[in-house]
Amino acid sequence: MTTEEMEHLPGSEIVLVGIADLRAGRPSVEASAVQSAATRLRRLGLDAPSSRGPVPASHELYLRLRDELGDRAHSRHNAILARVASFAGAAESARAR
């Protein structure tokens, strides 16, 4: 699947930015989201490294969001992970065709 094709999938605004941030060594919400789903994204052929720190990527994502959003972090955390799962599911479906 090409980058152009991936840009049309739901959640691409998180996944593609997160991969670019990881490549550039930039810590971000999107990078943590990609690392949270790294195994599934790698199965799709994407360069999605796992978290190497002492804190699991999903927890790192939540902590980043909590710093930005305070009490609204939990719902945003769940929404971001749902978007990443939507991306992966759509990519898996497209790949199966």
PDB file of N, CA and C in Angstrom:
ATOM      1  N   MET A   1       0.849  -1.176   0.000  1.00  0.00           N
ATOM      2  CA  MET A   1       0.000   0.000   0.000  1.00  0.00           C
ATOM      3  C   MET A   1       0.894   1.239   0.000  1.00  0.00           C
ATOM      4  N   THR A   2       0.594   2.172  -0.874  1.00  0.00           N
ATOM      5  CA  THR A   2       1.413   3.384  -0.978  1.00  0.00           C
ATOM      6  C   THR A   2       1.020   4.400   0.094  1.00  0.00           C
ATOM      7  N   THR A   3       1.900   5.355   0.315  1.00  0.00           N
ATOM      8  CA  THR A   3       1.607   6.425   1.266  1.00  0.00           C
ATOM      9  C   THR A   3       0.369   7.185   0.835  1.00  0.00           C
ATOM     10  N   GLU A   4       0.253   7.423  -0.452  1.00  0.00           N
ATOM     11  CA  GLU A   4      -0.921   8.134  -0.966  1.00  0.00           C
ATOM     12  C   GLU A   4      -2.210   7.372  -0.659  1.00  0.00           C
ATOM     13  N   GLU A   5      -2.190   6.068  -0.813  1.00  0.00           N
ATOM     14  CA  GLU A   5      -3.368   5.251  -0.487  1.00  0.00           C
ATOM     15  C   GLU A   5      -3.645   5.295   1.019  1.00  0.00           C
ATOM     16  N   MET A   6      -2.590   5.250   1.819  1.00  0.00           N
ATOM     17  CA  MET A   6      -2.767   5.287   3.270  1.00  0.00           C
ATOM     18  C   MET A   6      -3.330   6.615   3.751  1.00  0.00           C
ATOM     19  N   GLU A   7      -3.034   7.698   3.038  1.00  0.00           N
ATOM     20  CA  GLU A   7      -3.533   9.022   3.431  1.00  0.00           C
ATOM     21  C   GLU A   7      -5.049   9.098   3.433  1.00  0.00           C
ATOM     22  N   HIS A   8      -5.708   8.202   2.706  1.00  0.00           N
ATOM     23  CA  HIS A   8      -7.165   8.211   2.611  1.00  0.00           C
ATOM     24  C   HIS A   8      -7.835   7.330   3.672  1.00  0.00           C
ATOM     25  N   LEU A   9      -7.053   6.637   4.471  1.00  0.00           N
ATOM     26  CA  LEU A   9      -7.622   5.749   5.490  1.00  0.00           C
ATOM     27  C   LEU A   9      -7.955   6.539   6.751  1.00  0.00           C
ATOM     28  N   PRO A  10      -9.017   6.122   7.468  1.00  0.00           N
ATOM     29  CA  PRO A  10      -9.331   6.792   8.729  1.00  0.00           C
ATOM     30  C   PRO A  10      -8.169   6.620   9.707  1.00  0.00           C
ATOM     31  N   GLY A  11      -7.806   7.692  10.377  1.00  0.00           N
ATOM     32  CA  GLY A  11      -6.719   7.628  11.347  1.00  0.00           C
ATOM     33  C   GLY A  11      -5.351   7.921  10.770  1.00  0.00           C
ATOM     34  N   SER A  12      -5.284   8.148   9.460  1.00  0.00           N
ATOM     35  CA  SER A  12      -3.980   8.412   8.844  1.00  0.00           C
ATOM     36  C   SER A  12      -3.349   9.684   9.392  1.00  0.00           C
ATOM     37  N   GLU A  13      -4.175  10.635   9.821  1.00  0.00           N
ATOM     38  CA  GLU A  13      -3.649  11.883  10.368  1.00  0.00           C
ATOM     39  C   GLU A  13      -2.868  11.655  11.663  1.00  0.00           C
ATOM     40  N   ILE A  14      -3.088  10.548  12.300  1.00  0.00           N
ATOM     41  CA  ILE A  14      -2.345  10.194  13.512  1.00  0.00           C
ATOM     42  C   ILE A  14      -1.180   9.278  13.149  1.00  0.00           C
ATOM     43  N   VAL A  15      -1.462   8.222  12.409  1.00  0.00           N
ATOM     44  CA  VAL A  15      -0.449   7.202  12.123  1.00  0.00           C
ATOM     45  C   VAL A  15       0.697   7.755  11.276  1.00  0.00           C
ATOM     46  N   LEU A  16       0.393   8.430  10.196  1.00  0.00           N
ATOM     47  CA  LEU A  16       1.461   8.913   9.321  1.00  0.00           C
ATOM     48  C   LEU A  16       2.299  10.005   9.990  1.00  0.00           C
ATOM     49  N   VAL A  17       1.651  10.874  10.753  1.00  0.00           N
ATOM     50  CA  VAL A  17       2.396  11.893  11.508  1.00  0.00           C
ATOM     51  C   VAL A  17       3.245  11.228  12.586  1.00  0.00           C
ATOM     52  N   GLY A  18       2.679  10.235  13.266  1.00  0.00           N
ATOM     53  CA  GLY A  18       3.421   9.530  14.309  1.00  0.00           C
ATOM     54  C   GLY A  18       4.653   8.828  13.776  1.00  0.00           C
ATOM     55  N   ILE A  19       4.537   8.201  12.616  1.00  0.00           N
ATOM     56  CA  ILE A  19       5.690   7.528  12.010  1.00  0.00           C
ATOM     57  C   ILE A  19       6.749   8.554  11.633  1.00  0.00           C
ATOM     58  N   ALA A  20       6.325   9.672  11.060  1.00  0.00           N
ATOM     59  CA  ALA A  20       7.285  10.735  10.707  1.00  0.00           C
ATOM     60  C   ALA A  20       7.977  11.282  11.958  1.00  0.00           C
ATOM     61  N   ASP A  21       7.227  11.466  13.022  1.00  0.00           N
ATOM     62  CA  ASP A  21       7.813  11.961  14.277  1.00  0.00           C
ATOM     63  C   ASP A  21       8.821  10.967  14.839  1.00  0.00           C
ATOM     64  N   LEU A  22       8.490   9.688  14.788  1.00  0.00           N
ATOM     65  CA  LEU A  22       9.415   8.669  15.288  1.00  0.00           C
ATOM     66  C   LEU A  22      10.699   8.645  14.462  1.00  0.00           C
ATOM     67  N   ARG A  23      10.568   8.741  13.157  1.00  0.00           N
ATOM     68  CA  ARG A  23      11.752   8.766  12.285  1.00  0.00           C
ATOM     69  C   ARG A  23      12.651   9.962  12.599  1.00  0.00           C
ATOM     70  N   ALA A  24      12.017  11.094  12.922  1.00  0.00           N
ATOM     71  CA  ALA A  24      12.766  12.324  13.203  1.00  0.00           C
ATOM     72  C   ALA A  24      13.211  12.416  14.659  1.00  0.00           C
ATOM     73  N   GLY A  25      12.821  11.443  15.477  1.00  0.00           N
ATOM     74  CA  GLY A  25      13.191  11.467  16.894  1.00  0.00           C
ATOM     75  C   GLY A  25      12.407  12.478  17.703  1.00  0.00           C
ATOM     76  N   ARG A  26      11.222  12.865  17.213  1.00  0.00           N
ATOM     77  CA  ARG A  26      10.379  13.837  17.909  1.00  0.00           C
ATOM     78  C   ARG A  26       9.361  13.120  18.782  1.00  0.00           C
ATOM     79  N   PRO A  27       9.393  13.330  20.074  1.00  0.00           N
ATOM     80  CA  PRO A  27       8.352  12.762  20.928  1.00  0.00           C
ATOM     81  C   PRO A  27       7.044  13.525  20.703  1.00  0.00           C
ATOM     82  N   SER A  28       5.963  12.793  20.522  1.00  0.00           N
ATOM     83  CA  SER A  28       4.668  13.440  20.290  1.00  0.00           C
ATOM     84  C   SER A  28       3.546  12.486  20.684  1.00  0.00           C
ATOM     85  N   VAL A  29       2.356  13.038  20.763  1.00  0.00           N
ATOM     86  CA  VAL A  29       1.166  12.228  21.013  1.00  0.00           C
ATOM     87  C   VAL A  29       1.022  11.186  19.913  1.00  0.00           C
ATOM     88  N   GLU A  30       1.191  11.619  18.671  1.00  0.00           N
ATOM     89  CA  GLU A  30       1.043  10.711  17.533  1.00  0.00           C
ATOM     90  C   GLU A  30       2.092   9.600  17.554  1.00  0.00           C
ATOM     91  N   ALA A  31       3.325   9.951  17.914  1.00  0.00           N
ATOM     92  CA  ALA A  31       4.387   8.941  18.003  1.00  0.00           C
ATOM     93  C   ALA A  31       4.045   7.898  19.071  1.00  0.00           C
ATOM     94  N   SER A  32       3.563   8.341  20.213  1.00  0.00           N
ATOM     95  CA  SER A  32       3.174   7.398  21.269  1.00  0.00           C
ATOM     96  C   SER A  32       2.016   6.521  20.826  1.00  0.00           C
ATOM     97  N   ALA A  33       1.082   7.093  20.073  1.00  0.00           N
ATOM     98  CA  ALA A  33      -0.055   6.305  19.565  1.00  0.00           C
ATOM     99  C   ALA A  33       0.421   5.222  18.612  1.00  0.00           C
ATOM    100  N   VAL A  34       1.351   5.571  17.731  1.00  0.00           N
ATOM    101  CA  VAL A  34       1.910   4.579  16.796  1.00  0.00           C
ATOM    102  C   VAL A  34       2.626   3.485  17.572  1.00  0.00           C
ATOM    103  N   GLN A  35       3.394   3.853  18.557  1.00  0.00           N
ATOM    104  CA  GLN A  35       4.113   2.846  19.344  1.00  0.00           C
ATOM    105  C   GLN A  35       3.146   1.945  20.101  1.00  0.00           C
ATOM    106  N   SER A  36       1.994   2.474  20.480  1.00  0.00           N
ATOM    107  CA  SER A  36       0.987   1.658  21.175  1.00  0.00           C
ATOM    108  C   SER A  36       0.462   0.533  20.297  1.00  0.00           C
ATOM    109  N   ALA A  37       0.444   0.766  18.992  1.00  0.00           N
ATOM    110  CA  ALA A  37      -0.069  -0.229  18.045  1.00  0.00           C
ATOM    111  C   ALA A  37       1.038  -0.761  17.146  1.00  0.00           C
ATOM    112  N   ALA A  38       2.265  -0.670  17.599  1.00  0.00           N
ATOM    113  CA  ALA A  38       3.427  -0.987  16.754  1.00  0.00           C
ATOM    114  C   ALA A  38       3.377  -2.386  16.155  1.00  0.00           C
ATOM    115  N   THR A  39       3.029  -3.375  16.923  1.00  0.00           N
ATOM    116  CA  THR A  39       3.017  -4.751  16.411  1.00  0.00           C
ATOM    117  C   THR A  39       2.037  -4.896  15.252  1.00  0.00           C
ATOM    118  N   ARG A  40       0.852  -4.384  15.428  1.00  0.00           N
ATOM    119  CA  ARG A  40      -0.166  -4.485  14.369  1.00  0.00           C
ATOM    120  C   ARG A  40       0.245  -3.678  13.139  1.00  0.00           C
ATOM    121  N   LEU A  41       0.815  -2.496  13.350  1.00  0.00           N
ATOM    122  CA  LEU A  41       1.234  -1.659  12.225  1.00  0.00           C
ATOM    123  C   LEU A  41       2.423  -2.268  11.476  1.00  0.00           C
ATOM    124  N   ARG A  42       3.325  -2.910  12.206  1.00  0.00           N
ATOM    125  CA  ARG A  42       4.454  -3.588  11.545  1.00  0.00           C
ATOM    126  C   ARG A  42       3.971  -4.733  10.672  1.00  0.00           C
ATOM    127  N   ARG A  43       2.936  -5.440  11.092  1.00  0.00           N
ATOM    128  CA  ARG A  43       2.373  -6.518  10.274  1.00  0.00           C
ATOM    129  C   ARG A  43       1.839  -5.997   8.946  1.00  0.00           C
ATOM    130  N   LEU A  44       1.545  -4.714   8.899  1.00  0.00           N
ATOM    131  CA  LEU A  44       1.089  -4.074   7.668  1.00  0.00           C
ATOM    132  C   LEU A  44       2.258  -3.564   6.830  1.00  0.00           C
ATOM    133  N   GLY A  45       3.468  -3.752   7.340  1.00  0.00           N
ATOM    134  CA  GLY A  45       4.655  -3.325   6.613  1.00  0.00           C
ATOM    135  C   GLY A  45       5.111  -1.917   6.936  1.00  0.00           C
ATOM    136  N   LEU A  46       4.548  -1.323   7.969  1.00  0.00           N
ATOM    137  CA  LEU A  46       4.936   0.038   8.337  1.00  0.00           C
ATOM    138  C   LEU A  46       6.114   0.029   9.303  1.00  0.00           C
ATOM    139  N   ASP A  47       6.901   1.063   9.235  1.00  0.00           N
ATOM    140  CA  ASP A  47       8.046   1.229  10.125  1.00  0.00           C
ATOM    141  C   ASP A  47       7.547   1.838  11.429  1.00  0.00           C
ATOM    142  N   ALA A  48       7.137   0.974  12.343  1.00  0.00           N
ATOM    143  CA  ALA A  48       6.547   1.415  13.604  1.00  0.00           C
ATOM    144  C   ALA A  48       7.301   0.760  14.765  1.00  0.00           C
ATOM    145  N   PRO A  49       8.337   1.433  15.260  1.00  0.00           N
ATOM    146  CA  PRO A  49       9.108   0.839  16.348  1.00  0.00           C
ATOM    147  C   PRO A  49       8.318   0.799  17.657  1.00  0.00           C
ATOM    148  N   SER A  50       8.591  -0.213  18.434  1.00  0.00           N
ATOM    149  CA  SER A  50       7.982  -0.319  19.763  1.00  0.00           C
ATOM    150  C   SER A  50       8.653   0.660  20.710  1.00  0.00           C
ATOM    151  N   SER A  51       7.969   0.948  21.782  1.00  0.00           N
ATOM    152  CA  SER A  51       8.523   1.814  22.816  1.00  0.00           C
ATOM    153  C   SER A  51       9.696   1.123  23.486  1.00  0.00           C
ATOM    154  N   ARG A  52      10.741   1.871  23.756  1.00  0.00           N
ATOM    155  CA  ARG A  52      11.911   1.286  24.417  1.00  0.00           C
ATOM    156  C   ARG A  52      12.073   1.776  25.850  1.00  0.00           C
ATOM    157  N   GLY A  53      11.243   2.695  26.248  1.00  0.00           N
ATOM    158  CA  GLY A  53      11.365   3.278  27.577  1.00  0.00           C
ATOM    159  C   GLY A  53      10.758   2.406  28.656  1.00  0.00           C
ATOM    160  N   PRO A  54      10.893   2.832  29.893  1.00  0.00           N
ATOM    161  CA  PRO A  54      10.364   2.060  31.014  1.00  0.00           C
ATOM    162  C   PRO A  54       8.836   2.121  31.119  1.00  0.00           C
ATOM    163  N   VAL A  55       8.234   3.090  30.430  1.00  0.00           N
ATOM    164  CA  VAL A  55       6.785   3.260  30.483  1.00  0.00           C
ATOM    165  C   VAL A  55       6.177   2.735  29.176  1.00  0.00           C
ATOM    166  N   PRO A  56       5.176   1.865  29.249  1.00  0.00           N
ATOM    167  CA  PRO A  56       4.533   1.386  28.019  1.00  0.00           C
ATOM    168  C   PRO A  56       4.002   2.561  27.197  1.00  0.00           C
ATOM    169  N   ALA A  57       4.003   2.415  25.883  1.00  0.00           N
ATOM    170  CA  ALA A  57       3.617   3.499  24.982  1.00  0.00           C
ATOM    171  C   ALA A  57       2.214   4.024  25.267  1.00  0.00           C
ATOM    172  N   SER A  58       1.288   3.148  25.580  1.00  0.00           N
ATOM    173  CA  SER A  58      -0.078   3.594  25.865  1.00  0.00           C
ATOM    174  C   SER A  58      -0.119   4.488  27.095  1.00  0.00           C
ATOM    175  N   HIS A  59       0.684   4.165  28.089  1.00  0.00           N
ATOM    176  CA  HIS A  59       0.760   5.008  29.287  1.00  0.00           C
ATOM    177  C   HIS A  59       1.438   6.344  28.967  1.00  0.00           C
ATOM    178  N   GLU A  60       2.466   6.278  28.137  1.00  0.00           N
ATOM    179  CA  GLU A  60       3.153   7.506  27.713  1.00  0.00           C
ATOM    180  C   GLU A  60       2.180   8.413  26.966  1.00  0.00           C
ATOM    181  N   LEU A  61       1.360   7.821  26.113  1.00  0.00           N
ATOM    182  CA  LEU A  61       0.344   8.586  25.396  1.00  0.00           C
ATOM    183  C   LEU A  61      -0.583   9.276  26.392  1.00  0.00           C
ATOM    184  N   TYR A  62      -1.072   8.534  27.359  1.00  0.00           N
ATOM    185  CA  TYR A  62      -1.971   9.114  28.356  1.00  0.00           C
ATOM    186  C   TYR A  62      -1.283  10.251  29.123  1.00  0.00           C
ATOM    187  N   LEU A  63      -0.040  10.048  29.525  1.00  0.00           N
ATOM    188  CA  LEU A  63       0.674  11.087  30.281  1.00  0.00           C
ATOM    189  C   LEU A  63       0.847  12.357  29.447  1.00  0.00           C
ATOM    190  N   ARG A  64       1.167  12.201  28.177  1.00  0.00           N
ATOM    191  CA  ARG A  64       1.288  13.373  27.290  1.00  0.00           C
ATOM    192  C   ARG A  64      -0.043  14.111  27.204  1.00  0.00           C
ATOM    193  N   LEU A  65      -1.110  13.354  27.036  1.00  0.00           N
ATOM    194  CA  LEU A  65      -2.431  13.965  26.934  1.00  0.00           C
ATOM    195  C   LEU A  65      -2.853  14.618  28.245  1.00  0.00           C
ATOM    196  N   ARG A  66      -2.531  13.993  29.349  1.00  0.00           N
ATOM    197  CA  ARG A  66      -2.881  14.561  30.650  1.00  0.00           C
ATOM    198  C   ARG A  66      -2.190  15.905  30.850  1.00  0.00           C
ATOM    199  N   ASP A  67      -0.939  15.989  30.402  1.00  0.00           N
ATOM    200  CA  ASP A  67      -0.226  17.265  30.503  1.00  0.00           C
ATOM    201  C   ASP A  67      -0.907  18.351  29.682  1.00  0.00           C
ATOM    202  N   GLU A  68      -1.460  17.982  28.538  1.00  0.00           N
ATOM    203  CA  GLU A  68      -2.121  18.942  27.651  1.00  0.00           C
ATOM    204  C   GLU A  68      -3.570  19.222  28.042  1.00  0.00           C
ATOM    205  N   LEU A  69      -4.291  18.166  28.435  1.00  0.00           N
ATOM    206  CA  LEU A  69      -5.747  18.270  28.563  1.00  0.00           C
ATOM    207  C   LEU A  69      -6.295  18.118  29.969  1.00  0.00           C
ATOM    208  N   GLY A  70      -5.475  17.731  30.900  1.00  0.00           N
ATOM    209  CA  GLY A  70      -5.962  17.540  32.261  1.00  0.00           C
ATOM    210  C   GLY A  70      -7.002  16.433  32.335  1.00  0.00           C
ATOM    211  N   ASP A  71      -8.171  16.765  32.886  1.00  0.00           N
ATOM    212  CA  ASP A  71      -9.228  15.773  33.103  1.00  0.00           C
ATOM    213  C   ASP A  71      -9.821  15.202  31.815  1.00  0.00           C
ATOM    214  N   ARG A  72      -9.610  15.847  30.695  1.00  0.00           N
ATOM    215  CA  ARG A  72     -10.163  15.359  29.428  1.00  0.00           C
ATOM    216  C   ARG A  72      -9.256  14.330  28.759  1.00  0.00           C
ATOM    217  N   ALA A  73      -8.148  14.003  29.372  1.00  0.00           N
ATOM    218  CA  ALA A  73      -7.160  13.113  28.760  1.00  0.00           C
ATOM    219  C   ALA A  73      -7.708  11.716  28.479  1.00  0.00           C
ATOM    220  N   HIS A  74      -8.483  11.176  29.380  1.00  0.00           N
ATOM    221  CA  HIS A  74      -8.934   9.792  29.235  1.00  0.00           C
ATOM    222  C   HIS A  74      -9.756   9.597  27.960  1.00  0.00           C
ATOM    223  N   SER A  75     -10.730  10.464  27.722  1.00  0.00           N
ATOM    224  CA  SER A  75     -11.571  10.293  26.530  1.00  0.00           C
ATOM    225  C   SER A  75     -10.762  10.532  25.248  1.00  0.00           C
ATOM    226  N   ARG A  76      -9.847  11.482  25.267  1.00  0.00           N
ATOM    227  CA  ARG A  76      -9.009  11.737  24.091  1.00  0.00           C
ATOM    228  C   ARG A  76      -8.078  10.556  23.820  1.00  0.00           C
ATOM    229  N   HIS A  77      -7.530   9.973  24.892  1.00  0.00           N
ATOM    230  CA  HIS A  77      -6.673   8.787  24.795  1.00  0.00           C
ATOM    231  C   HIS A  77      -7.419   7.670  24.081  1.00  0.00           C
ATOM    232  N   ASN A  78      -8.629   7.399  24.527  1.00  0.00           N
ATOM    233  CA  ASN A  78      -9.427   6.331  23.916  1.00  0.00           C
ATOM    234  C   ASN A  78      -9.767   6.651  22.464  1.00  0.00           C
ATOM    235  N   ALA A  79     -10.074   7.907  22.169  1.00  0.00           N
ATOM    236  CA  ALA A  79     -10.413   8.294  20.804  1.00  0.00           C
ATOM    237  C   ALA A  79      -9.215   8.137  19.866  1.00  0.00           C
ATOM    238  N   ILE A  80      -8.041   8.507  20.323  1.00  0.00           N
ATOM    239  CA  ILE A  80      -6.837   8.377  19.498  1.00  0.00           C
ATOM    240  C   ILE A  80      -6.547   6.911  19.207  1.00  0.00           C
ATOM    241  N   LEU A  81      -6.605   6.079  20.237  1.00  0.00           N
ATOM    242  CA  LEU A  81      -6.346   4.652  20.019  1.00  0.00           C
ATOM    243  C   LEU A  81      -7.403   4.025  19.115  1.00  0.00           C
ATOM    244  N   ALA A  82      -8.641   4.498  19.189  1.00  0.00           N
ATOM    245  CA  ALA A  82      -9.687   3.997  18.298  1.00  0.00           C
ATOM    246  C   ALA A  82      -9.395   4.399  16.854  1.00  0.00           C
ATOM    247  N   ARG A  83      -8.896   5.612  16.633  1.00  0.00           N
ATOM    248  CA  ARG A  83      -8.540   6.057  15.281  1.00  0.00           C
ATOM    249  C   ARG A  83      -7.396   5.218  14.717  1.00  0.00           C
ATOM    250  N   VAL A  84      -6.415   4.910  15.546  1.00  0.00           N
ATOM    251  CA  VAL A  84      -5.297   4.080  15.097  1.00  0.00           C
ATOM    252  C   VAL A  84      -5.804   2.679  14.753  1.00  0.00           C
ATOM    253  N   ALA A  85      -6.697   2.147  15.560  1.00  0.00           N
ATOM    254  CA  ALA A  85      -7.281   0.829  15.275  1.00  0.00           C
ATOM    255  C   ALA A  85      -8.096   0.873  13.986  1.00  0.00           C
ATOM    256  N   SER A  86      -8.800   1.974  13.740  1.00  0.00           N
ATOM    257  CA  SER A  86      -9.545   2.124  12.484  1.00  0.00           C
ATOM    258  C   SER A  86      -8.606   2.128  11.288  1.00  0.00           C
ATOM    259  N   PHE A  87      -7.488   2.828  11.427  1.00  0.00           N
ATOM    260  CA  PHE A  87      -6.489   2.847  10.362  1.00  0.00           C
ATOM    261  C   PHE A  87      -6.002   1.430  10.073  1.00  0.00           C
ATOM    262  N   ALA A  88      -5.621   0.720  11.121  1.00  0.00           N
ATOM    263  CA  ALA A  88      -5.087  -0.633  10.944  1.00  0.00           C
ATOM    264  C   ALA A  88      -6.126  -1.553  10.322  1.00  0.00           C
ATOM    265  N   GLY A  89      -7.362  -1.465  10.791  1.00  0.00           N
ATOM    266  CA  GLY A  89      -8.417  -2.306  10.234  1.00  0.00           C
ATOM    267  C   GLY A  89      -8.682  -2.013   8.765  1.00  0.00           C
ATOM    268  N   ALA A  90      -8.717  -0.736   8.413  1.00  0.00           N
ATOM    269  CA  ALA A  90      -8.942  -0.360   7.016  1.00  0.00           C
ATOM    270  C   ALA A  90      -7.769  -0.806   6.137  1.00  0.00           C
ATOM    271  N   ALA A  91      -6.550  -0.663   6.657  1.00  0.00           N
ATOM    272  CA  ALA A  91      -5.363  -1.094   5.891  1.00  0.00           C
ATOM    273  C   ALA A  91      -5.376  -2.611   5.714  1.00  0.00           C
ATOM    274  N   GLU A  92      -5.777  -3.337   6.740  1.00  0.00           N
ATOM    275  CA  GLU A  92      -5.841  -4.797   6.629  1.00  0.00           C
ATOM    276  C   GLU A  92      -6.887  -5.203   5.591  1.00  0.00           C
ATOM    277  N   SER A  93      -8.028  -4.520   5.592  1.00  0.00           N
ATOM    278  CA  SER A  93      -9.074  -4.819   4.600  1.00  0.00           C
ATOM    279  C   SER A  93      -8.616  -4.512   3.192  1.00  0.00           C
ATOM    280  N   ALA A  94      -7.956  -3.367   3.026  1.00  0.00           N
ATOM    281  CA  ALA A  94      -7.457  -2.980   1.689  1.00  0.00           C
ATOM    282  C   ALA A  94      -6.404  -3.955   1.206  1.00  0.00           C
ATOM    283  N   ARG A  95      -5.597  -4.404   2.107  1.00  0.00           N
ATOM    284  CA  ARG A  95      -4.522  -5.346   1.765  1.00  0.00           C
ATOM    285  C   ARG A  95      -5.088  -6.702   1.343  1.00  0.00           C
ATOM    286  N   ALA A  96      -6.200  -7.095   1.935  1.00  0.00           N
ATOM    287  CA  ALA A  96      -6.813  -8.392   1.652  1.00  0.00           C
ATOM    288  C   ALA A  96      -7.492  -8.435   0.285  1.00  0.00           C
ATOM    289  N   ARG A  97      -7.754  -7.269  -0.293  1.00  0.00           N
ATOM    290  CA  ARG A  97      -8.427  -7.220  -1.608  1.00  0.00           C
ATOM    291  C   ARG A  97      -7.511  -7.573  -2.722  1.00  0.00           C
TER     292      ARG A  97
END
